[in-house]
Protein backbone atom coordinates (compact mmCIF):
# COMPACT_ATOMS: atom_id res chain seq x y z
CA MET A 1 14.93 -8.33 -16.34
CA TRP A 2 12.69 -5.53 -15.08
CA LEU A 3 9.13 -4.74 -16.21
CA ILE A 4 8.23 -1.05 -15.91
CA THR A 5 4.58 0.02 -15.60
CA GLU A 6 3.53 3.66 -15.28
CA TYR A 7 0.26 4.84 -13.74
CA HIS A 8 -1.40 8.24 -13.70
CA PRO A 9 -3.25 9.06 -10.46
CA ALA A 10 -6.87 9.85 -11.31
CA ALA A 11 -7.97 10.74 -7.76
CA LEU A 12 -6.56 11.57 -4.36
CA PHE A 13 -4.59 8.72 -2.83
CA SER A 14 -5.18 7.42 0.69
CA LEU A 15 -3.73 4.36 2.40
CA LYS A 16 -3.26 4.53 6.15
CA VAL A 17 -0.21 3.24 7.93
CA GLY A 18 -0.65 -0.28 9.30
CA VAL A 19 -0.23 0.88 12.91
CA ALA A 20 -2.83 3.67 12.59
CA THR A 21 -6.16 3.62 14.40
CA SER A 22 -9.59 4.18 12.88
CA THR A 23 -9.82 7.70 14.35
CA GLY A 24 -6.25 8.80 13.63
CA ALA A 25 -5.13 7.71 10.16
CA LYS A 26 -2.10 9.29 8.48
CA THR A 27 -1.73 8.28 4.85
CA LEU A 28 1.28 6.82 3.14
CA PHE A 29 2.71 8.61 0.12
CA LEU A 30 2.58 5.56 -2.16
CA PRO A 31 0.92 2.14 -2.28
CA THR A 32 2.78 -0.53 -0.35
CA PRO A 33 4.15 -3.74 -1.89
CA PHE A 34 1.29 -5.57 -0.15
CA ALA A 35 -1.26 -3.28 -1.84
CA ILE A 36 0.46 -3.53 -5.24
CA ARG A 37 0.64 -7.32 -5.27
CA THR A 38 -2.93 -7.63 -3.99
CA ALA A 39 -4.22 -5.22 -6.64
CA PHE A 40 -2.71 -7.35 -9.42
CA LEU A 41 -4.03 -10.53 -7.79
CA ASP A 42 -7.51 -9.00 -7.63
CA ALA A 43 -7.29 -8.00 -11.31
CA GLY A 44 -6.19 -11.51 -12.24
CA ILE A 45 -9.06 -13.20 -10.40
CA ARG A 46 -11.61 -10.78 -11.89
CA THR A 47 -10.41 -11.43 -15.45
CA ARG A 48 -9.33 -15.09 -15.31
CA GLY A 49 -11.43 -16.53 -12.49
CA ILE A 50 -10.71 -17.86 -9.03
CA ASP A 51 -9.15 -21.07 -10.41
CA ALA A 52 -6.21 -19.04 -11.75
CA GLY A 53 -5.70 -17.28 -8.42
CA ALA A 54 -3.09 -19.65 -6.99
CA GLU A 55 -0.87 -19.46 -10.09
CA ILE A 56 -1.08 -15.66 -10.20
CA PHE A 57 -0.36 -15.48 -6.47
CA ASP A 58 2.83 -17.55 -6.80
CA ALA A 59 4.03 -15.40 -9.72
CA LEU A 60 3.44 -12.13 -7.85
CA LYS A 61 5.07 -13.42 -4.67
CA SER A 62 8.28 -14.26 -6.53
CA LEU A 63 8.77 -10.73 -7.89
CA ARG A 64 10.94 -7.95 -6.46
CA LEU A 65 9.43 -4.47 -6.49
CA ALA A 66 10.64 -0.90 -6.91
CA ALA A 67 8.86 2.43 -7.39
CA ARG A 68 9.67 5.82 -8.88
CA PRO A 69 7.59 8.39 -6.96
CA PRO A 70 6.17 11.56 -8.51
CA GLU A 71 8.24 14.73 -8.23
CA ARG A 72 5.81 16.40 -5.80
CA ILE A 73 3.20 15.25 -3.30
CA VAL A 74 0.72 17.40 -1.35
CA VAL A 75 -0.93 15.84 1.69
CA THR A 76 -4.11 17.41 3.10
CA ASN A 77 -4.58 17.33 6.87
CA LEU A 78 -8.18 17.48 8.01
CA PHE A 79 -10.66 16.42 10.65
CA ALA A 80 -13.92 14.85 9.55
CA LYS A 81 -17.15 13.86 11.25
CA VAL A 82 -17.63 10.09 11.19
CA LEU A 83 -20.02 7.48 12.57
CA LYS A 84 -18.68 4.54 14.52
CA PRO A 85 -20.34 1.69 16.44
CA GLN A 86 -21.49 2.72 19.89
CA ARG A 87 -19.55 1.10 22.68
CA ARG A 88 -21.44 -0.64 25.44
CA ASP A 89 -20.85 0.71 28.94
CA LYS A 90 -20.14 -1.97 31.55
CA LYS A 91 -22.61 -0.45 34.04
CA GLY A 92 -25.35 -0.25 31.48
CA GLU A 93 -24.49 -3.42 29.62
CA GLU A 94 -27.95 -4.94 29.90
CA ASP A 95 -29.67 -1.66 29.06
CA ASP A 96 -27.59 -1.13 25.92
CA GLU A 97 -27.92 -4.67 24.65
CA ASP A 98 -30.90 -3.88 22.45
CA ALA A 99 -29.20 -0.77 21.06
CA ASP A 100 -26.02 -2.68 20.19
CA SER A 101 -27.91 -5.49 18.52
CA ALA A 102 -29.68 -2.92 16.36
CA GLY A 103 -26.34 -1.50 15.19
CA ALA A 104 -26.46 1.80 17.08
CA MET A 105 -23.92 4.35 15.88
CA GLN A 106 -22.45 7.43 17.52
CA ARG A 107 -20.91 10.60 16.07
CA SER A 108 -17.20 11.15 16.45
CA ILE A 109 -14.26 13.10 15.01
CA ALA A 110 -11.51 11.42 12.98
CA PHE A 111 -8.23 12.65 11.51
CA ARG A 112 -7.79 11.89 7.81
CA GLU A 113 -5.11 12.55 5.21
CA TYR A 114 -5.36 12.46 1.41
CA ALA A 115 -2.37 12.74 -0.91
CA HIS A 116 -2.29 14.47 -4.30
CA LEU A 117 0.40 12.84 -6.43
CA ASP A 118 1.67 15.39 -8.94
CA GLY A 119 3.06 13.20 -11.69
CA ILE A 120 3.37 9.62 -12.87
CA LEU A 121 3.82 6.72 -10.45
CA ALA A 122 6.15 4.16 -12.02
CA LEU A 123 6.31 0.59 -10.69
CA ALA A 124 9.06 -1.89 -11.54
CA PHE A 125 8.92 -5.69 -11.22
CA GLU A 126 11.93 -8.01 -11.42
CA GLY A 127 11.70 -11.76 -11.83
CA GLU A 128 11.32 -14.66 -14.23
CA ALA A 129 9.91 -14.05 -17.71
CA GLU A 130 6.77 -16.10 -16.99
CA ALA A 131 5.91 -14.07 -13.90
CA LEU A 132 6.58 -10.78 -15.69
CA ALA A 133 4.28 -11.87 -18.52
CA ILE A 134 1.43 -12.29 -16.04
CA VAL A 135 1.99 -8.79 -14.61
CA GLU A 136 2.21 -7.31 -18.11
CA SER A 137 -1.11 -8.88 -19.13
CA LEU A 138 -2.85 -7.55 -16.00
CA ALA A 139 -1.37 -4.04 -15.93
CA SER A 140 -4.28 -2.43 -17.79
CA GLN A 141 -6.85 -4.15 -15.52
CA VAL A 142 -5.56 -2.52 -12.33
CA ASN A 143 -7.51 0.67 -11.60
CA TYR A 144 -6.80 1.40 -7.94
CA PHE A 145 -4.21 0.75 -5.25
CA GLY A 146 -4.86 0.56 -1.53
CA LYS A 147 -8.09 2.15 -0.38
CA ARG A 148 -11.03 1.97 -2.79
CA GLY A 149 -11.44 5.31 -4.50
CA SER A 150 -7.67 5.82 -4.90
CA PHE A 151 -7.98 5.42 -8.66
CA PHE A 152 -5.06 5.04 -11.08
CA GLN A 153 -5.00 4.45 -14.81
CA LEU A 154 -2.27 2.97 -16.95
CA ALA A 155 -0.38 5.81 -18.62
CA HIS A 156 1.84 3.84 -21.05
CA LEU A 157 2.24 0.29 -22.23
CA PRO A 158 4.57 -1.73 -19.97
CA ARG A 159 8.16 -2.07 -21.15
CA ARG A 160 11.06 -4.34 -20.24
CA VAL A 161 14.59 -3.18 -19.43
CA GLU A 162 17.79 -4.98 -18.46
CA THR A 163 18.67 -2.77 -15.49
CA LEU A 164 16.60 -0.68 -13.11
CA PRO A 165 16.61 2.98 -14.29
CA ASN A 166 17.70 5.84 -12.05
CA GLY A 167 15.13 7.39 -9.75
CA PHE A 168 13.61 4.13 -8.54
CA THR A 169 13.47 3.15 -4.86
CA ARG A 170 13.57 -0.52 -3.98
CA LEU A 171 10.51 -1.54 -1.97
CA ASP A 172 11.97 -4.88 -0.88
CA GLU A 173 14.86 -3.21 0.95
CA GLY A 174 14.60 -0.94 3.95
CA LEU A 175 15.20 -0.34 7.64
CA THR A 176 14.83 -3.33 9.92
CA PHE A 177 15.59 -3.99 13.58
CA GLU A 178 18.03 -6.74 14.50
CA ASN A 179 19.34 -7.43 18.02
CA GLY A 180 18.24 -3.99 19.16
CA LYS A 181 20.11 -2.26 16.33
CA VAL A 182 18.76 -0.45 13.29
CA MET A 183 19.94 -2.21 10.13
CA TYR A 184 19.59 -0.99 6.55
CA GLY A 185 18.74 -3.85 4.21
CA THR A 186 21.24 -3.04 1.47
CA SER A 187 24.94 -2.43 1.06
CA ALA A 188 24.31 0.99 -0.49
CA ALA A 189 24.84 4.23 1.37
CA PHE A 190 22.10 5.31 3.76
CA PRO A 191 19.93 7.77 1.77
CA LEU A 192 18.28 10.95 2.98
CA GLY A 193 14.52 11.37 2.79
CA ILE A 194 11.18 10.60 4.42
CA ILE A 195 10.68 7.20 6.09
CA GLN A 196 7.49 5.34 5.22
CA LEU A 197 6.36 2.14 6.98
CA MET A 198 5.46 -0.24 4.14
CA ASP A 199 4.01 -3.73 4.45
CA ASP A 200 4.55 -6.67 2.10
CA TRP A 201 3.63 -10.30 1.56
CA GLY A 202 5.60 -12.45 4.00
CA ALA A 203 7.47 -15.66 3.22
CA GLU A 204 4.80 -17.79 4.93
CA LEU A 205 1.82 -16.18 3.18
CA THR A 206 -0.25 -18.56 1.04
CA PHE A 207 -3.09 -18.09 -1.41
CA ASP A 208 -5.58 -19.59 1.04
CA LYS A 209 -4.71 -16.87 3.55
CA VAL A 210 -5.41 -14.01 1.11
CA ASN A 211 -8.54 -15.70 -0.23
CA VAL A 212 -11.45 -13.81 1.36
CA TYR A 213 -13.64 -16.93 1.12
CA ALA A 214 -11.24 -19.02 3.22
CA HIS A 215 -11.29 -19.04 7.01
CA THR A 216 -7.53 -18.80 7.57
CA ARG A 217 -6.12 -15.58 9.03
CA ILE A 218 -3.04 -13.57 8.12
CA ALA A 219 -0.43 -13.51 10.91
CA MET A 220 1.48 -10.27 11.41
CA PHE A 221 5.28 -10.44 11.03
CA LYS A 222 4.99 -13.85 9.34
CA ASP A 223 2.43 -13.57 6.56
CA ARG A 224 2.48 -9.77 6.54
CA VAL A 225 5.82 -8.07 7.16
CA ARG A 226 6.64 -4.40 7.68
CA ARG A 227 9.64 -2.56 6.32
CA SER A 228 10.68 1.10 6.67
CA VAL A 229 11.48 2.46 3.19
CA ILE A 230 13.16 5.83 2.64
CA PHE A 231 11.81 7.96 -0.22
CA PRO A 232 13.88 10.94 -1.42
CA TYR A 233 11.42 13.64 -0.37
CA ARG A 234 11.85 16.73 1.75
CA LEU A 235 9.21 18.91 3.39
CA ALA A 236 9.14 22.11 1.30
CA ARG A 237 6.15 23.88 2.85
CA SER A 238 3.41 23.21 5.37
CA SER A 239 0.50 24.84 7.14
CA ARG A 240 -2.43 23.81 9.30
CA GLY A 241 -4.23 22.24 6.36
CA PHE A 242 -1.52 20.70 4.14
CA SER A 243 2.06 19.47 3.81
CA PHE A 244 3.97 19.90 0.55
CA TYR A 245 6.78 17.44 -0.24
CA GLU A 246 9.14 17.49 -3.20
CA MET A 247 12.14 15.51 -4.35
CA GLY A 248 15.25 16.49 -2.41
C-alpha cells in the first residue's frame, strides 16, 4: 500500500549537496529522503511531544519513499556576499586571539543556487498501515523541506493506492559502488536523466542520534547513507544566471 501526499512549493527551494562546501553550494532539485523523514519527525515532535519521537522515528524509518518531480525546474546561479568567521593566522595566533574570542567575521564571496519548482511535488510512502497512518496525520503539519525558508504547503488530502502510479522515481534505489564497479540498485533498465546525490537514514541510525538534545553523533555511511538517484530531466536552456530543466 502506498500513501500519496502532494505539496505545492510556496518559495524557492534550496538544499545543498552533502559534499558541498560553505562557499560553493549547488542545490539539489528535490528534498532528499533524509530531509523528508526528518521533516515529518520534526512535525510529529512539535505536535505530539518529544515522548512520541521514538515511535514516530521507527515508523518513518520503516517506510520506502518515491517522488514525482514537477514538470519543470529553474535553478538560479548567483554569487552572494557573505560573512564567515575569521581564520586565525599561525604567525599572528596570539595577536588574533582576542579577535577570535569576540567572534570576528570577515567578508567573502559564496556561490549559491535556488530552485524554482514549477508544479506539484508528490511524495509516496510504502509500508505498514500503522506507519502510513502516522505519516497521513502529520502531512498537513509539514511546511518546509531541507533548508529553512524552503516552504511547502499541502495541496491535497493524502490518498492511498495499491500500486505506485506512473511518473514516480524511487528514492530508495539508485547508483551505488561495489567492488570498484557502478551498480544500479534495481533490476529495471538504466534510465536517462540528471543524477542527484541524495542522502537517507542509514540502517544503524537511532532516535538518540537524531535527537538534537543528545550527545551522540551521526556517522557517515552508517547512520547517514548517500545514493545517486536519476531524475528524468534534461537541460533545456541555460545562461550565466540560470539553468532550465524539463522532463525528458
